[in-house]
Amino acid sequence: DLNNDQMPELVLFSSGYDGPPFPGDA
């Protein structure tokens, strides 16, 4: 619950493409 509205949000952790050069993601 990131905004204290008593409703949970989904937080997504991404790696980006799993292949060279593995540029990453947000």
mmCIF file of all heavy atoms, coordinates in Angstrom:
data_MODEL
# 
_entry.id   MODEL 
# 
loop_
_atom_site.group_PDB 
_atom_site.id 
_atom_site.type_symbol 
_atom_site.label_atom_id 
_atom_site.label_alt_id 
_atom_site.label_comp_id 
_atom_site.label_asym_id 
_atom_site.label_entity_id 
_atom_site.label_seq_id 
_atom_site.pdbx_PDB_ins_code 
_atom_site.Cartn_x 
_atom_site.Cartn_y 
_atom_site.Cartn_z 
_atom_site.occupancy 
_atom_site.B_iso_or_equiv 
_atom_site.pdbx_formal_charge 
_atom_site.auth_seq_id 
_atom_site.auth_comp_id 
_atom_site.auth_asym_id 
_atom_site.auth_atom_id 
_atom_site.pdbx_PDB_model_num 
ATOM 1   N N   . ASP A 1 1  ? 0.861  -1.178  0.000   1.00 0.00 ? 1  ASP A N   1 
ATOM 2   C CA  . ASP A 1 1  ? 0.000  0.000   0.000   1.00 0.00 ? 1  ASP A CA  1 
ATOM 3   C C   . ASP A 1 1  ? 0.900  1.232   0.000   1.00 0.00 ? 1  ASP A C   1 
ATOM 4   O O   . ASP A 1 1  ? 1.347  1.696   1.046   1.00 0.00 ? 1  ASP A O   1 
ATOM 5   C CB  . ASP A 1 1  ? -0.930 -0.009  1.208   1.00 0.00 ? 1  ASP A CB  1 
ATOM 6   C CG  . ASP A 1 1  ? -1.935 1.145   1.189   1.00 0.00 ? 1  ASP A CG  1 
ATOM 7   O OD1 . ASP A 1 1  ? -1.943 1.922   0.213   1.00 0.00 ? 1  ASP A OD1 1 
ATOM 8   O OD2 . ASP A 1 1  ? -2.710 1.270   2.162   1.00 0.00 ? 1  ASP A OD2 1 
ATOM 9   N N   . LEU A 1 2  ? 1.139  1.777   -1.185  1.00 0.00 ? 2  LEU A N   1 
ATOM 10  C CA  . LEU A 1 2  ? 2.081  2.875   -1.337  1.00 0.00 ? 2  LEU A CA  1 
ATOM 11  C C   . LEU A 1 2  ? 1.468  4.246   -1.116  1.00 0.00 ? 2  LEU A C   1 
ATOM 12  O O   . LEU A 1 2  ? 2.183  5.210   -0.862  1.00 0.00 ? 2  LEU A O   1 
ATOM 13  C CB  . LEU A 1 2  ? 2.717  2.819   -2.732  1.00 0.00 ? 2  LEU A CB  1 
ATOM 14  C CG  . LEU A 1 2  ? 3.526  1.555   -3.051  1.00 0.00 ? 2  LEU A CG  1 
ATOM 15  C CD1 . LEU A 1 2  ? 3.982  1.571   -4.498  1.00 0.00 ? 2  LEU A CD1 1 
ATOM 16  C CD2 . LEU A 1 2  ? 4.730  1.422   -2.126  1.00 0.00 ? 2  LEU A CD2 1 
ATOM 17  N N   . ASN A 1 3  ? 0.145  4.345   -1.240  1.00 0.00 ? 3  ASN A N   1 
ATOM 18  C CA  . ASN A 1 3  ? -0.500 5.655   -1.099  1.00 0.00 ? 3  ASN A CA  1 
ATOM 19  C C   . ASN A 1 3  ? -1.482 5.720   0.064   1.00 0.00 ? 3  ASN A C   1 
ATOM 20  O O   . ASN A 1 3  ? -2.296 6.649   0.152   1.00 0.00 ? 3  ASN A O   1 
ATOM 21  C CB  . ASN A 1 3  ? -1.216 6.034   -2.397  1.00 0.00 ? 3  ASN A CB  1 
ATOM 22  C CG  . ASN A 1 3  ? -2.194 4.970   -2.869  1.00 0.00 ? 3  ASN A CG  1 
ATOM 23  O OD1 . ASN A 1 3  ? -2.461 4.006   -2.148  1.00 0.00 ? 3  ASN A OD1 1 
ATOM 24  N ND2 . ASN A 1 3  ? -2.728 5.128   -4.077  1.00 0.00 ? 3  ASN A ND2 1 
ATOM 25  N N   . ASN A 1 4  ? -1.413 4.740   0.972   1.00 0.00 ? 4  ASN A N   1 
ATOM 26  C CA  . ASN A 1 4  ? -2.225 4.737   2.192   1.00 0.00 ? 4  ASN A CA  1 
ATOM 27  C C   . ASN A 1 4  ? -3.719 4.860   1.922   1.00 0.00 ? 4  ASN A C   1 
ATOM 28  O O   . ASN A 1 4  ? -4.452 5.513   2.670   1.00 0.00 ? 4  ASN A O   1 
ATOM 29  C CB  . ASN A 1 4  ? -1.779 5.854   3.145   1.00 0.00 ? 4  ASN A CB  1 
ATOM 30  C CG  . ASN A 1 4  ? -0.441 5.573   3.795   1.00 0.00 ? 4  ASN A CG  1 
ATOM 31  O OD1 . ASN A 1 4  ? -0.040 4.429   3.934   1.00 0.00 ? 4  ASN A OD1 1 
ATOM 32  N ND2 . ASN A 1 4  ? 0.260  6.619   4.215   1.00 0.00 ? 4  ASN A ND2 1 
ATOM 33  N N   . ASP A 1 5  ? -4.185 4.175   0.842   1.00 0.00 ? 5  ASP A N   1 
ATOM 34  C CA  . ASP A 1 5  ? -5.613 4.173   0.560   1.00 0.00 ? 5  ASP A CA  1 
ATOM 35  C C   . ASP A 1 5  ? -6.265 2.860   0.954   1.00 0.00 ? 5  ASP A C   1 
ATOM 36  O O   . ASP A 1 5  ? -7.401 2.586   0.561   1.00 0.00 ? 5  ASP A O   1 
ATOM 37  C CB  . ASP A 1 5  ? -5.869 4.455   -0.918  1.00 0.00 ? 5  ASP A CB  1 
ATOM 38  C CG  . ASP A 1 5  ? -5.319 3.360   -1.842  1.00 0.00 ? 5  ASP A CG  1 
ATOM 39  O OD1 . ASP A 1 5  ? -4.592 2.463   -1.350  1.00 0.00 ? 5  ASP A OD1 1 
ATOM 40  O OD2 . ASP A 1 5  ? -5.619 3.410   -3.044  1.00 0.00 ? 5  ASP A OD2 1 
ATOM 41  N N   . GLN A 1 6  ? -5.568 2.069   1.737   1.00 0.00 ? 6  GLN A N   1 
ATOM 42  C CA  . GLN A 1 6  ? -6.052 0.783   2.215   1.00 0.00 ? 6  GLN A CA  1 
ATOM 43  C C   . GLN A 1 6  ? -6.275 -0.203  1.071   1.00 0.00 ? 6  GLN A C   1 
ATOM 44  O O   . GLN A 1 6  ? -7.003 -1.184  1.212   1.00 0.00 ? 6  GLN A O   1 
ATOM 45  C CB  . GLN A 1 6  ? -7.345 0.940   3.032   1.00 0.00 ? 6  GLN A CB  1 
ATOM 46  C CG  . GLN A 1 6  ? -7.281 1.991   4.135   1.00 0.00 ? 6  GLN A CG  1 
ATOM 47  C CD  . GLN A 1 6  ? -6.125 1.736   5.098   1.00 0.00 ? 6  GLN A CD  1 
ATOM 48  O OE1 . GLN A 1 6  ? -5.981 0.639   5.601   1.00 0.00 ? 6  GLN A OE1 1 
ATOM 49  N NE2 . GLN A 1 6  ? -5.319 2.780   5.360   1.00 0.00 ? 6  GLN A NE2 1 
ATOM 50  N N   . MET A 1 7  ? -5.631 0.041   -0.060  1.00 0.00 ? 7  MET A N   1 
ATOM 51  C CA  . MET A 1 7  ? -5.729 -0.820  -1.218  1.00 0.00 ? 7  MET A CA  1 
ATOM 52  C C   . MET A 1 7  ? -4.313 -1.102  -1.723  1.00 0.00 ? 7  MET A C   1 
ATOM 53  O O   . MET A 1 7  ? -3.586 -0.170  -2.080  1.00 0.00 ? 7  MET A O   1 
ATOM 54  C CB  . MET A 1 7  ? -6.553 -0.155  -2.321  1.00 0.00 ? 7  MET A CB  1 
ATOM 55  C CG  . MET A 1 7  ? -6.730 -1.017  -3.545  1.00 0.00 ? 7  MET A CG  1 
ATOM 56  S SD  . MET A 1 7  ? -8.153 -1.929  -3.557  1.00 0.00 ? 7  MET A SD  1 
ATOM 57  C CE  . MET A 1 7  ? -8.295 -2.674  -5.081  1.00 0.00 ? 7  MET A CE  1 
ATOM 58  N N   . PRO A 1 8  ? -3.875 -2.350  -1.723  1.00 0.00 ? 8  PRO A N   1 
ATOM 59  C CA  . PRO A 1 8  ? -2.498 -2.622  -2.134  1.00 0.00 ? 8  PRO A CA  1 
ATOM 60  C C   . PRO A 1 8  ? -2.270 -2.385  -3.616  1.00 0.00 ? 8  PRO A C   1 
ATOM 61  O O   . PRO A 1 8  ? -3.156 -2.600  -4.446  1.00 0.00 ? 8  PRO A O   1 
ATOM 62  C CB  . PRO A 1 8  ? -2.305 -4.109  -1.787  1.00 0.00 ? 8  PRO A CB  1 
ATOM 63  C CG  . PRO A 1 8  ? -3.678 -4.686  -1.793  1.00 0.00 ? 8  PRO A CG  1 
ATOM 64  C CD  . PRO A 1 8  ? -4.583 -3.584  -1.327  1.00 0.00 ? 8  PRO A CD  1 
ATOM 65  N N   . GLU A 1 9  ? -1.067 -1.915  -3.928  1.00 0.00 ? 9  GLU A N   1 
ATOM 66  C CA  . GLU A 1 9  ? -0.610 -1.786  -5.302  1.00 0.00 ? 9  GLU A CA  1 
ATOM 67  C C   . GLU A 1 9  ? 0.302  -2.963  -5.645  1.00 0.00 ? 9  GLU A C   1 
ATOM 68  O O   . GLU A 1 9  ? 0.831  -3.639  -4.758  1.00 0.00 ? 9  GLU A O   1 
ATOM 69  C CB  . GLU A 1 9  ? 0.168  -0.482  -5.502  1.00 0.00 ? 9  GLU A CB  1 
ATOM 70  C CG  . GLU A 1 9  ? -0.701 0.761   -5.609  1.00 0.00 ? 9  GLU A CG  1 
ATOM 71  C CD  . GLU A 1 9  ? -1.313 1.179   -4.285  1.00 0.00 ? 9  GLU A CD  1 
ATOM 72  O OE1 . GLU A 1 9  ? -0.572 1.334   -3.303  1.00 0.00 ? 9  GLU A OE1 1 
ATOM 73  O OE2 . GLU A 1 9  ? -2.546 1.346   -4.232  1.00 0.00 ? 9  GLU A OE2 1 
ATOM 74  N N   . LEU A 1 10 ? 0.474  -3.211  -6.947  1.00 0.00 ? 10 LEU A N   1 
ATOM 75  C CA  . LEU A 1 10 ? 1.417  -4.205  -7.427  1.00 0.00 ? 10 LEU A CA  1 
ATOM 76  C C   . LEU A 1 10 ? 2.724  -3.507  -7.773  1.00 0.00 ? 10 LEU A C   1 
ATOM 77  O O   . LEU A 1 10 ? 2.751  -2.595  -8.596  1.00 0.00 ? 10 LEU A O   1 
ATOM 78  C CB  . LEU A 1 10 ? 0.873  -4.922  -8.661  1.00 0.00 ? 10 LEU A CB  1 
ATOM 79  C CG  . LEU A 1 10 ? -0.193 -5.991  -8.450  1.00 0.00 ? 10 LEU A CG  1 
ATOM 80  C CD1 . LEU A 1 10 ? -0.851 -6.349  -9.779  1.00 0.00 ? 10 LEU A CD1 1 
ATOM 81  C CD2 . LEU A 1 10 ? 0.407  -7.236  -7.833  1.00 0.00 ? 10 LEU A CD2 1 
ATOM 82  N N   . VAL A 1 11 ? 3.802  -3.948  -7.138  1.00 0.00 ? 11 VAL A N   1 
ATOM 83  C CA  . VAL A 1 11 ? 5.122  -3.409  -7.427  1.00 0.00 ? 11 VAL A CA  1 
ATOM 84  C C   . VAL A 1 11 ? 5.874  -4.451  -8.241  1.00 0.00 ? 11 VAL A C   1 
ATOM 85  O O   . VAL A 1 11 ? 5.994  -5.609  -7.833  1.00 0.00 ? 11 VAL A O   1 
ATOM 86  C CB  . VAL A 1 11 ? 5.896  -3.065  -6.149  1.00 0.00 ? 11 VAL A CB  1 
ATOM 87  C CG1 . VAL A 1 11 ? 7.228  -2.404  -6.492  1.00 0.00 ? 11 VAL A CG1 1 
ATOM 88  C CG2 . VAL A 1 11 ? 5.060  -2.134  -5.262  1.00 0.00 ? 11 VAL A CG2 1 
ATOM 89  N N   . LEU A 1 12 ? 6.384  -4.044  -9.415  1.00 0.00 ? 12 LEU A N   1 
ATOM 90  C CA  . LEU A 1 12 ? 6.966  -4.956  -10.383 1.00 0.00 ? 12 LEU A CA  1 
ATOM 91  C C   . LEU A 1 12 ? 8.461  -4.686  -10.511 1.00 0.00 ? 12 LEU A C   1 
ATOM 92  O O   . LEU A 1 12 ? 8.872  -3.568  -10.849 1.00 0.00 ? 12 LEU A O   1 
ATOM 93  C CB  . LEU A 1 12 ? 6.286  -4.796  -11.741 1.00 0.00 ? 12 LEU A CB  1 
ATOM 94  C CG  . LEU A 1 12 ? 4.750  -4.745  -11.728 1.00 0.00 ? 12 LEU A CG  1 
ATOM 95  C CD1 . LEU A 1 12 ? 4.212  -4.352  -13.089 1.00 0.00 ? 12 LEU A CD1 1 
ATOM 96  C CD2 . LEU A 1 12 ? 4.180  -6.081  -11.322 1.00 0.00 ? 12 LEU A CD2 1 
ATOM 97  N N   . PHE A 1 13 ? 9.273  -5.711  -10.262 1.00 0.00 ? 13 PHE A N   1 
ATOM 98  C CA  . PHE A 1 13 ? 10.724 -5.597  -10.373 1.00 0.00 ? 13 PHE A CA  1 
ATOM 99  C C   . PHE A 1 13 ? 11.157 -6.338  -11.639 1.00 0.00 ? 13 PHE A C   1 
ATOM 100 O O   . PHE A 1 13 ? 11.016 -7.556  -11.739 1.00 0.00 ? 13 PHE A O   1 
ATOM 101 C CB  . PHE A 1 13 ? 11.413 -6.177  -9.140  1.00 0.00 ? 13 PHE A CB  1 
ATOM 102 C CG  . PHE A 1 13 ? 11.054 -5.467  -7.857  1.00 0.00 ? 13 PHE A CG  1 
ATOM 103 C CD1 . PHE A 1 13 ? 9.989  -5.908  -7.087  1.00 0.00 ? 13 PHE A CD1 1 
ATOM 104 C CD2 . PHE A 1 13 ? 11.767 -4.368  -7.439  1.00 0.00 ? 13 PHE A CD2 1 
ATOM 105 C CE1 . PHE A 1 13 ? 9.642  -5.262  -5.909  1.00 0.00 ? 13 PHE A CE1 1 
ATOM 106 C CE2 . PHE A 1 13 ? 11.433 -3.708  -6.258  1.00 0.00 ? 13 PHE A CE2 1 
ATOM 107 C CZ  . PHE A 1 13 ? 10.367 -4.156  -5.495  1.00 0.00 ? 13 PHE A CZ  1 
ATOM 108 N N   . SER A 1 14 ? 11.711 -5.614  -12.597 1.00 0.00 ? 14 SER A N   1 
ATOM 109 C CA  . SER A 1 14 ? 12.039 -6.163  -13.902 1.00 0.00 ? 14 SER A CA  1 
ATOM 110 C C   . SER A 1 14 ? 13.547 -6.186  -14.140 1.00 0.00 ? 14 SER A C   1 
ATOM 111 O O   . SER A 1 14 ? 14.267 -5.276  -13.733 1.00 0.00 ? 14 SER A O   1 
ATOM 112 C CB  . SER A 1 14 ? 11.357 -5.344  -15.003 1.00 0.00 ? 14 SER A CB  1 
ATOM 113 O OG  . SER A 1 14 ? 11.713 -5.793  -16.289 1.00 0.00 ? 14 SER A OG  1 
ATOM 114 N N   . SER A 1 15 ? 13.997 -7.233  -14.821 1.00 0.00 ? 15 SER A N   1 
ATOM 115 C CA  . SER A 1 15 ? 15.409 -7.342  -15.184 1.00 0.00 ? 15 SER A CA  1 
ATOM 116 C C   . SER A 1 15 ? 15.683 -6.864  -16.605 1.00 0.00 ? 15 SER A C   1 
ATOM 117 O O   . SER A 1 15 ? 16.829 -6.630  -16.971 1.00 0.00 ? 15 SER A O   1 
ATOM 118 C CB  . SER A 1 15 ? 15.878 -8.792  -15.047 1.00 0.00 ? 15 SER A CB  1 
ATOM 119 O OG  . SER A 1 15 ? 15.219 -9.622  -16.005 1.00 0.00 ? 15 SER A OG  1 
ATOM 120 N N   . GLY A 1 16 ? 14.623 -6.758  -17.417 1.00 0.00 ? 16 GLY A N   1 
ATOM 121 C CA  . GLY A 1 16 ? 14.840 -6.471  -18.820 1.00 0.00 ? 16 GLY A CA  1 
ATOM 122 C C   . GLY A 1 16 ? 15.179 -7.745  -19.582 1.00 0.00 ? 16 GLY A C   1 
ATOM 123 O O   . GLY A 1 16 ? 15.047 -8.860  -19.068 1.00 0.00 ? 16 GLY A O   1 
ATOM 124 N N   . TYR A 1 17 ? 15.603 -7.600  -20.827 1.00 0.00 ? 17 TYR A N   1 
ATOM 125 C CA  . TYR A 1 17 ? 15.925 -8.748  -21.661 1.00 0.00 ? 17 TYR A CA  1 
ATOM 126 C C   . TYR A 1 17 ? 16.981 -9.629  -21.011 1.00 0.00 ? 17 TYR A C   1 
ATOM 127 O O   . TYR A 1 17 ? 18.017 -9.146  -20.564 1.00 0.00 ? 17 TYR A O   1 
ATOM 128 C CB  . TYR A 1 17 ? 16.430 -8.299  -23.030 1.00 0.00 ? 17 TYR A CB  1 
ATOM 129 C CG  . TYR A 1 17 ? 15.394 -7.593  -23.862 1.00 0.00 ? 17 TYR A CG  1 
ATOM 130 C CD1 . TYR A 1 17 ? 15.672 -6.361  -24.444 1.00 0.00 ? 17 TYR A CD1 1 
ATOM 131 C CD2 . TYR A 1 17 ? 14.153 -8.139  -24.074 1.00 0.00 ? 17 TYR A CD2 1 
ATOM 132 C CE1 . TYR A 1 17 ? 14.734 -5.703  -25.206 1.00 0.00 ? 17 TYR A CE1 1 
ATOM 133 C CE2 . TYR A 1 17 ? 13.202 -7.474  -24.840 1.00 0.00 ? 17 TYR A CE2 1 
ATOM 134 C CZ  . TYR A 1 17 ? 13.492 -6.264  -25.391 1.00 0.00 ? 17 TYR A CZ  1 
ATOM 135 O OH  . TYR A 1 17 ? 12.555 -5.614  -26.147 1.00 0.00 ? 17 TYR A OH  1 
ATOM 136 N N   . ASP A 1 18 ? 16.695 -10.934 -20.971 1.00 0.00 ? 18 ASP A N   1 
ATOM 137 C CA  . ASP A 1 18 ? 17.635 -11.882 -20.396 1.00 0.00 ? 18 ASP A CA  1 
ATOM 138 C C   . ASP A 1 18 ? 18.569 -12.399 -21.488 1.00 0.00 ? 18 ASP A C   1 
ATOM 139 O O   . ASP A 1 18 ? 18.623 -13.576 -21.813 1.00 0.00 ? 18 ASP A O   1 
ATOM 140 C CB  . ASP A 1 18 ? 16.889 -13.037 -19.727 1.00 0.00 ? 18 ASP A CB  1 
ATOM 141 C CG  . ASP A 1 18 ? 17.792 -13.835 -18.796 1.00 0.00 ? 18 ASP A CG  1 
ATOM 142 O OD1 . ASP A 1 18 ? 18.943 -13.417 -18.590 1.00 0.00 ? 18 ASP A OD1 1 
ATOM 143 O OD2 . ASP A 1 18 ? 17.358 -14.863 -18.269 1.00 0.00 ? 18 ASP A OD2 1 
ATOM 144 N N   . GLY A 1 19 ? 19.283 -11.517 -22.073 1.00 0.00 ? 19 GLY A N   1 
ATOM 145 C CA  . GLY A 1 19 ? 20.215 -11.832 -23.135 1.00 0.00 ? 19 GLY A CA  1 
ATOM 146 C C   . GLY A 1 19 ? 21.169 -10.667 -23.324 1.00 0.00 ? 19 GLY A C   1 
ATOM 147 O O   . GLY A 1 19 ? 20.880 -9.528  -22.919 1.00 0.00 ? 19 GLY A O   1 
ATOM 148 N N   . PRO A 1 20 ? 22.329 -10.927 -23.898 1.00 0.00 ? 20 PRO A N   1 
ATOM 149 C CA  . PRO A 1 20 ? 23.324 -9.866  -24.088 1.00 0.00 ? 20 PRO A CA  1 
ATOM 150 C C   . PRO A 1 20 ? 22.756 -8.687  -24.856 1.00 0.00 ? 20 PRO A C   1 
ATOM 151 O O   . PRO A 1 20 ? 21.984 -8.877  -25.801 1.00 0.00 ? 20 PRO A O   1 
ATOM 152 C CB  . PRO A 1 20 ? 24.437 -10.563 -24.883 1.00 0.00 ? 20 PRO A CB  1 
ATOM 153 C CG  . PRO A 1 20 ? 24.228 -12.021 -24.631 1.00 0.00 ? 20 PRO A CG  1 
ATOM 154 C CD  . PRO A 1 20 ? 22.756 -12.208 -24.458 1.00 0.00 ? 20 PRO A CD  1 
ATOM 155 N N   . PRO A 1 21 ? 23.119 -7.475  -24.467 1.00 0.00 ? 21 PRO A N   1 
ATOM 156 C CA  . PRO A 1 21 ? 24.026 -7.094  -23.375 1.00 0.00 ? 21 PRO A CA  1 
ATOM 157 C C   . PRO A 1 21 ? 23.341 -6.924  -22.022 1.00 0.00 ? 21 PRO A C   1 
ATOM 158 O O   . PRO A 1 21 ? 23.903 -6.254  -21.172 1.00 0.00 ? 21 PRO A O   1 
ATOM 159 C CB  . PRO A 1 21 ? 24.570 -5.763  -23.879 1.00 0.00 ? 21 PRO A CB  1 
ATOM 160 C CG  . PRO A 1 21 ? 23.408 -5.140  -24.591 1.00 0.00 ? 21 PRO A CG  1 
ATOM 161 C CD  . PRO A 1 21 ? 22.694 -6.289  -25.258 1.00 0.00 ? 21 PRO A CD  1 
ATOM 162 N N   . PHE A 1 22 ? 22.172 -7.504  -21.856 1.00 0.00 ? 22 PHE A N   1 
ATOM 163 C CA  . PHE A 1 22 ? 21.432 -7.375  -20.594 1.00 0.00 ? 22 PHE A CA  1 
ATOM 164 C C   . PHE A 1 22 ? 21.269 -5.902  -20.218 1.00 0.00 ? 22 PHE A C   1 
ATOM 165 O O   . PHE A 1 22 ? 21.804 -5.436  -19.226 1.00 0.00 ? 22 PHE A O   1 
ATOM 166 C CB  . PHE A 1 22 ? 22.127 -8.136  -19.469 1.00 0.00 ? 22 PHE A CB  1 
ATOM 167 C CG  . PHE A 1 22 ? 22.400 -9.573  -19.771 1.00 0.00 ? 22 PHE A CG  1 
ATOM 168 C CD1 . PHE A 1 22 ? 23.663 -9.982  -20.181 1.00 0.00 ? 22 PHE A CD1 1 
ATOM 169 C CD2 . PHE A 1 22 ? 21.405 -10.523 -19.672 1.00 0.00 ? 22 PHE A CD2 1 
ATOM 170 C CE1 . PHE A 1 22 ? 23.917 -11.309 -20.466 1.00 0.00 ? 22 PHE A CE1 1 
ATOM 171 C CE2 . PHE A 1 22 ? 21.650 -11.855 -19.963 1.00 0.00 ? 22 PHE A CE2 1 
ATOM 172 C CZ  . PHE A 1 22 ? 22.914 -12.263 -20.364 1.00 0.00 ? 22 PHE A CZ  1 
ATOM 173 N N   . PRO A 1 23 ? 20.520 -5.166  -21.011 1.00 0.00 ? 23 PRO A N   1 
ATOM 174 C CA  . PRO A 1 23 ? 20.457 -3.702  -20.822 1.00 0.00 ? 23 PRO A CA  1 
ATOM 175 C C   . PRO A 1 23 ? 19.715 -3.244  -19.577 1.00 0.00 ? 23 PRO A C   1 
ATOM 176 O O   . PRO A 1 23 ? 19.815 -2.077  -19.207 1.00 0.00 ? 23 PRO A O   1 
ATOM 177 C CB  . PRO A 1 23 ? 19.734 -3.233  -22.080 1.00 0.00 ? 23 PRO A CB  1 
ATOM 178 C CG  . PRO A 1 23 ? 18.891 -4.402  -22.490 1.00 0.00 ? 23 PRO A CG  1 
ATOM 179 C CD  . PRO A 1 23 ? 19.704 -5.616  -22.143 1.00 0.00 ? 23 PRO A CD  1 
ATOM 180 N N   . GLY A 1 24 ? 18.948 -4.138  -18.935 1.00 0.00 ? 24 GLY A N   1 
ATOM 181 C CA  . GLY A 1 24 ? 18.262 -3.766  -17.708 1.00 0.00 ? 24 GLY A CA  1 
ATOM 182 C C   . GLY A 1 24 ? 16.898 -3.141  -17.952 1.00 0.00 ? 24 GLY A C   1 
ATOM 183 O O   . GLY A 1 24 ? 16.443 -2.964  -19.087 1.00 0.00 ? 24 GLY A O   1 
ATOM 184 N N   . ASP A 1 25 ? 16.234 -2.788  -16.870 1.00 0.00 ? 25 ASP A N   1 
ATOM 185 C CA  . ASP A 1 25 ? 14.878 -2.260  -16.946 1.00 0.00 ? 25 ASP A CA  1 
ATOM 186 C C   . ASP A 1 25 ? 14.596 -1.457  -15.689 1.00 0.00 ? 25 ASP A C   1 
ATOM 187 O O   . ASP A 1 25 ? 15.459 -1.297  -14.815 1.00 0.00 ? 25 ASP A O   1 
ATOM 188 C CB  . ASP A 1 25 ? 13.870 -3.407  -17.105 1.00 0.00 ? 25 ASP A CB  1 
ATOM 189 C CG  . ASP A 1 25 ? 12.623 -2.997  -17.887 1.00 0.00 ? 25 ASP A CG  1 
ATOM 190 O OD1 . ASP A 1 25 ? 12.359 -1.778  -17.996 1.00 0.00 ? 25 ASP A OD1 1 
ATOM 191 O OD2 . ASP A 1 25 ? 11.910 -3.889  -18.363 1.00 0.00 ? 25 ASP A OD2 1 
ATOM 192 N N   . ALA A 1 26 ? 13.355 -0.985  -15.573 1.00 0.00 ? 26 ALA A N   1 
ATOM 193 C CA  . ALA A 1 26 ? 12.956 -0.136  -14.464 1.00 0.00 ? 26 ALA A CA  1 
ATOM 194 C C   . ALA A 1 26 ? 12.109 -0.915  -13.460 1.00 0.00 ? 26 ALA A C   1 
ATOM 195 O O   . ALA A 1 26 ? 11.860 -2.106  -13.608 1.00 0.00 ? 26 ALA A O   1 
ATOM 196 C CB  . ALA A 1 26 ? 12.183 1.070   -14.980 1.00 0.00 ? 26 ALA A CB  1 
# 
